Amino acid sequence: MLVGVGSRIRRDDAAGLAVLAKLRGRVPASVCLLDCGTVPENYSLDMKRFQPTHMVFFDAVEMEKGPGSRALIEEEDLIAQSFSTHKQSVKVLFMVLREGIPGVRIVLAGIQPKTTDFGRGISRPVARGINAMSEEVANAIRCSCNEDD
């Protein structure tokens, strides 16, 4: 399951949603794509019903790196950060999902934003990061599916 998180009205905060949009039509139908906007906790029941083996959350994450930088953040490395407009911790959401989806592997794919000010449009460096991340993920899923054949 691939999960996009972010706000379309806060510039680069929409990075996770943009990655998800670029993956539509590029991954097998067996991969669930879920656009959660700013409230991923509201979709936890849907996530649990799907019972994925792996979940990748895409979001703009403050990592103190250059805009557009990308990183995979393992669940155990998470600190209590704001994950939505309701300030729900990523770690808490992941713990809730783990309880309902035994054995699931969860990772956060973060993109460093340049700005999360109100407005529309993603900055150029973040757009480049989005393109690179979506390409990397599509290739990784394609390779993984070919190995399963």
Protein backbone atom coordinates (compact mmCIF):
# COMPACT_ATOMS: atom_id res chain seq x y z
CA MET A 1 0.00 0.00 0.00
CA LEU A 2 1.29 3.43 -0.99
CA VAL A 3 -0.09 6.33 1.07
CA GLY A 4 0.16 10.00 0.14
CA VAL A 5 -0.06 12.60 2.90
CA GLY A 6 -0.04 16.39 2.73
CA SER A 7 -1.88 19.61 2.12
CA ARG A 8 -2.53 20.88 -1.38
CA ILE A 9 -2.82 24.45 -0.09
CA ARG A 10 0.58 24.55 1.68
CA ARG A 11 2.97 24.54 -1.26
CA ASP A 12 5.63 21.81 -0.79
CA ASP A 13 3.55 20.06 1.88
CA ALA A 14 1.76 18.48 -1.11
CA ALA A 15 4.92 16.52 -2.02
CA GLY A 16 3.58 13.19 -0.72
CA LEU A 17 0.36 13.59 -2.68
CA ALA A 18 2.32 14.51 -5.81
CA VAL A 19 4.45 11.35 -5.55
CA LEU A 20 1.30 9.26 -5.27
CA ALA A 21 -0.24 11.00 -8.30
CA LYS A 22 2.87 10.27 -10.38
CA LEU A 23 2.67 6.58 -9.42
CA ARG A 24 -0.93 6.16 -10.62
CA GLY A 25 -0.94 3.85 -13.62
CA ARG A 26 2.71 2.91 -13.08
CA VAL A 27 2.25 0.23 -10.42
CA PRO A 28 0.35 -3.07 -10.57
CA ALA A 29 -3.34 -3.13 -9.65
CA SER A 30 -2.45 -5.21 -6.59
CA VAL A 31 -0.75 -2.14 -5.09
CA CYS A 32 -3.30 0.04 -3.31
CA LEU A 33 -2.78 3.81 -3.68
CA LEU A 34 -4.42 5.89 -0.96
CA ASP A 35 -4.56 9.72 -0.94
CA CYS A 36 -5.13 10.70 2.70
CA GLY A 37 -4.71 14.45 2.42
CA THR A 38 -3.91 15.91 5.82
CA VAL A 39 -5.70 13.30 7.92
CA PRO A 40 -4.21 9.82 7.42
CA GLU A 41 -5.62 8.70 10.76
CA ASN A 42 -9.12 8.96 9.24
CA TYR A 43 -8.15 6.20 6.79
CA SER A 44 -6.73 3.72 9.31
CA LEU A 45 -9.79 1.44 9.04
CA ASP A 46 -9.44 1.29 5.24
CA MET A 47 -5.74 0.54 5.64
CA LYS A 48 -6.46 -2.26 8.12
CA ARG A 49 -9.15 -3.77 5.85
CA PHE A 50 -6.67 -3.99 2.97
CA GLN A 51 -4.17 -5.90 5.17
CA PRO A 52 -1.03 -4.92 3.23
CA THR A 53 2.30 -6.61 3.84
CA HIS A 54 4.16 -3.34 3.23
CA MET A 55 3.13 0.30 3.61
CA VAL A 56 5.03 3.32 2.33
CA PHE A 57 3.85 6.73 3.48
CA PHE A 58 4.96 9.68 1.31
CA ASP A 59 5.11 13.07 2.99
CA ALA A 60 7.02 16.33 3.22
CA VAL A 61 9.31 15.91 6.23
CA GLU A 62 11.58 18.46 7.88
CA MET A 63 14.95 16.68 7.84
CA GLU A 64 17.25 19.71 7.91
CA LYS A 65 18.52 18.87 4.42
CA GLY A 66 18.39 20.68 1.09
CA PRO A 67 14.94 21.16 -0.49
CA GLY A 68 13.97 18.10 -2.52
CA SER A 69 16.25 15.75 -0.58
CA ARG A 70 14.74 12.33 -0.06
CA ALA A 71 15.07 9.78 2.71
CA LEU A 72 13.45 6.59 3.93
CA ILE A 73 12.67 6.84 7.61
CA GLU A 74 12.13 3.57 9.43
CA GLU A 75 9.41 3.39 12.04
CA GLU A 76 11.89 2.98 14.91
CA ASP A 77 13.69 6.17 13.85
CA LEU A 78 10.61 8.35 14.01
CA ILE A 79 10.25 11.02 16.61
CA ALA A 80 6.94 12.49 17.65
CA GLN A 81 6.39 14.94 14.81
CA SER A 82 3.30 16.56 13.43
CA PHE A 83 1.85 14.33 10.72
CA SER A 84 -1.37 16.14 10.00
CA THR A 85 -3.24 19.32 10.78
CA HIS A 86 -4.47 17.54 13.91
CA LYS A 87 -0.86 17.11 15.12
CA GLN A 88 -1.15 13.33 15.31
CA SER A 89 2.22 11.69 15.71
CA VAL A 90 3.45 9.45 12.91
CA LYS A 91 4.67 6.99 15.49
CA VAL A 92 1.21 6.76 17.11
CA LEU A 93 -0.50 6.19 13.75
CA PHE A 94 2.03 3.50 12.83
CA MET A 95 1.50 1.77 16.20
CA VAL A 96 -2.27 1.73 15.61
CA LEU A 97 -1.76 0.25 12.13
CA ARG A 98 0.68 -2.36 13.41
CA GLU A 99 -1.92 -3.55 15.95
CA GLY A 100 -4.48 -4.08 13.20
CA ILE A 101 -2.11 -5.41 10.52
CA PRO A 102 0.16 -8.07 12.05
CA GLY A 103 3.61 -8.31 10.44
CA VAL A 104 3.24 -5.21 8.25
CA ARG A 105 6.42 -3.34 7.37
CA ILE A 106 5.91 0.43 7.51
CA VAL A 107 8.27 3.12 6.27
CA LEU A 108 8.01 6.87 5.74
CA ALA A 109 9.45 8.22 2.49
CA GLY A 110 10.18 11.84 3.20
CA ILE A 111 10.93 14.77 0.92
CA GLN A 112 12.48 17.89 2.40
CA PRO A 113 10.20 20.87 1.66
CA LYS A 114 11.48 24.30 0.72
CA THR A 115 8.35 26.04 1.98
CA THR A 116 5.07 24.97 3.54
CA ASP A 117 3.59 28.47 3.44
CA PHE A 118 0.01 28.78 2.30
CA GLY A 119 -0.30 28.85 -1.46
CA ARG A 120 -0.34 26.54 -4.44
CA GLY A 121 2.50 25.14 -6.47
CA ILE A 122 5.47 23.03 -5.55
CA SER A 123 8.96 24.56 -5.63
CA ARG A 124 11.38 23.43 -8.35
CA PRO A 125 13.82 21.54 -6.10
CA VAL A 126 10.97 19.67 -4.42
CA ALA A 127 9.41 18.89 -7.83
CA ARG A 128 12.74 17.34 -8.86
CA GLY A 129 12.74 15.29 -5.64
CA ILE A 130 9.17 14.16 -6.34
CA ASN A 131 10.10 13.05 -9.87
CA ALA A 132 13.15 11.15 -8.63
CA MET A 133 11.27 9.48 -5.79
CA SER A 134 8.35 8.40 -7.98
CA GLU A 135 10.78 6.95 -10.54
CA GLU A 136 12.72 5.08 -7.84
CA VAL A 137 9.54 3.65 -6.30
CA ALA A 138 8.06 2.60 -9.65
CA ASN A 139 11.31 0.85 -10.57
CA ALA A 140 11.57 -0.87 -7.18
CA ILE A 141 7.99 -2.17 -7.41
CA ARG A 142 8.51 -3.30 -10.99
CA CYS A 143 11.67 -5.22 -9.96
CA SER A 144 9.92 -6.70 -6.93
CA CYS A 145 6.97 -7.88 -9.01
CA ASN A 146 9.30 -9.45 -11.60
CA GLU A 147 11.11 -11.35 -8.82
CA ASP A 148 7.77 -12.75 -7.62
CA ASP A 149 6.94 -14.18 -11.09
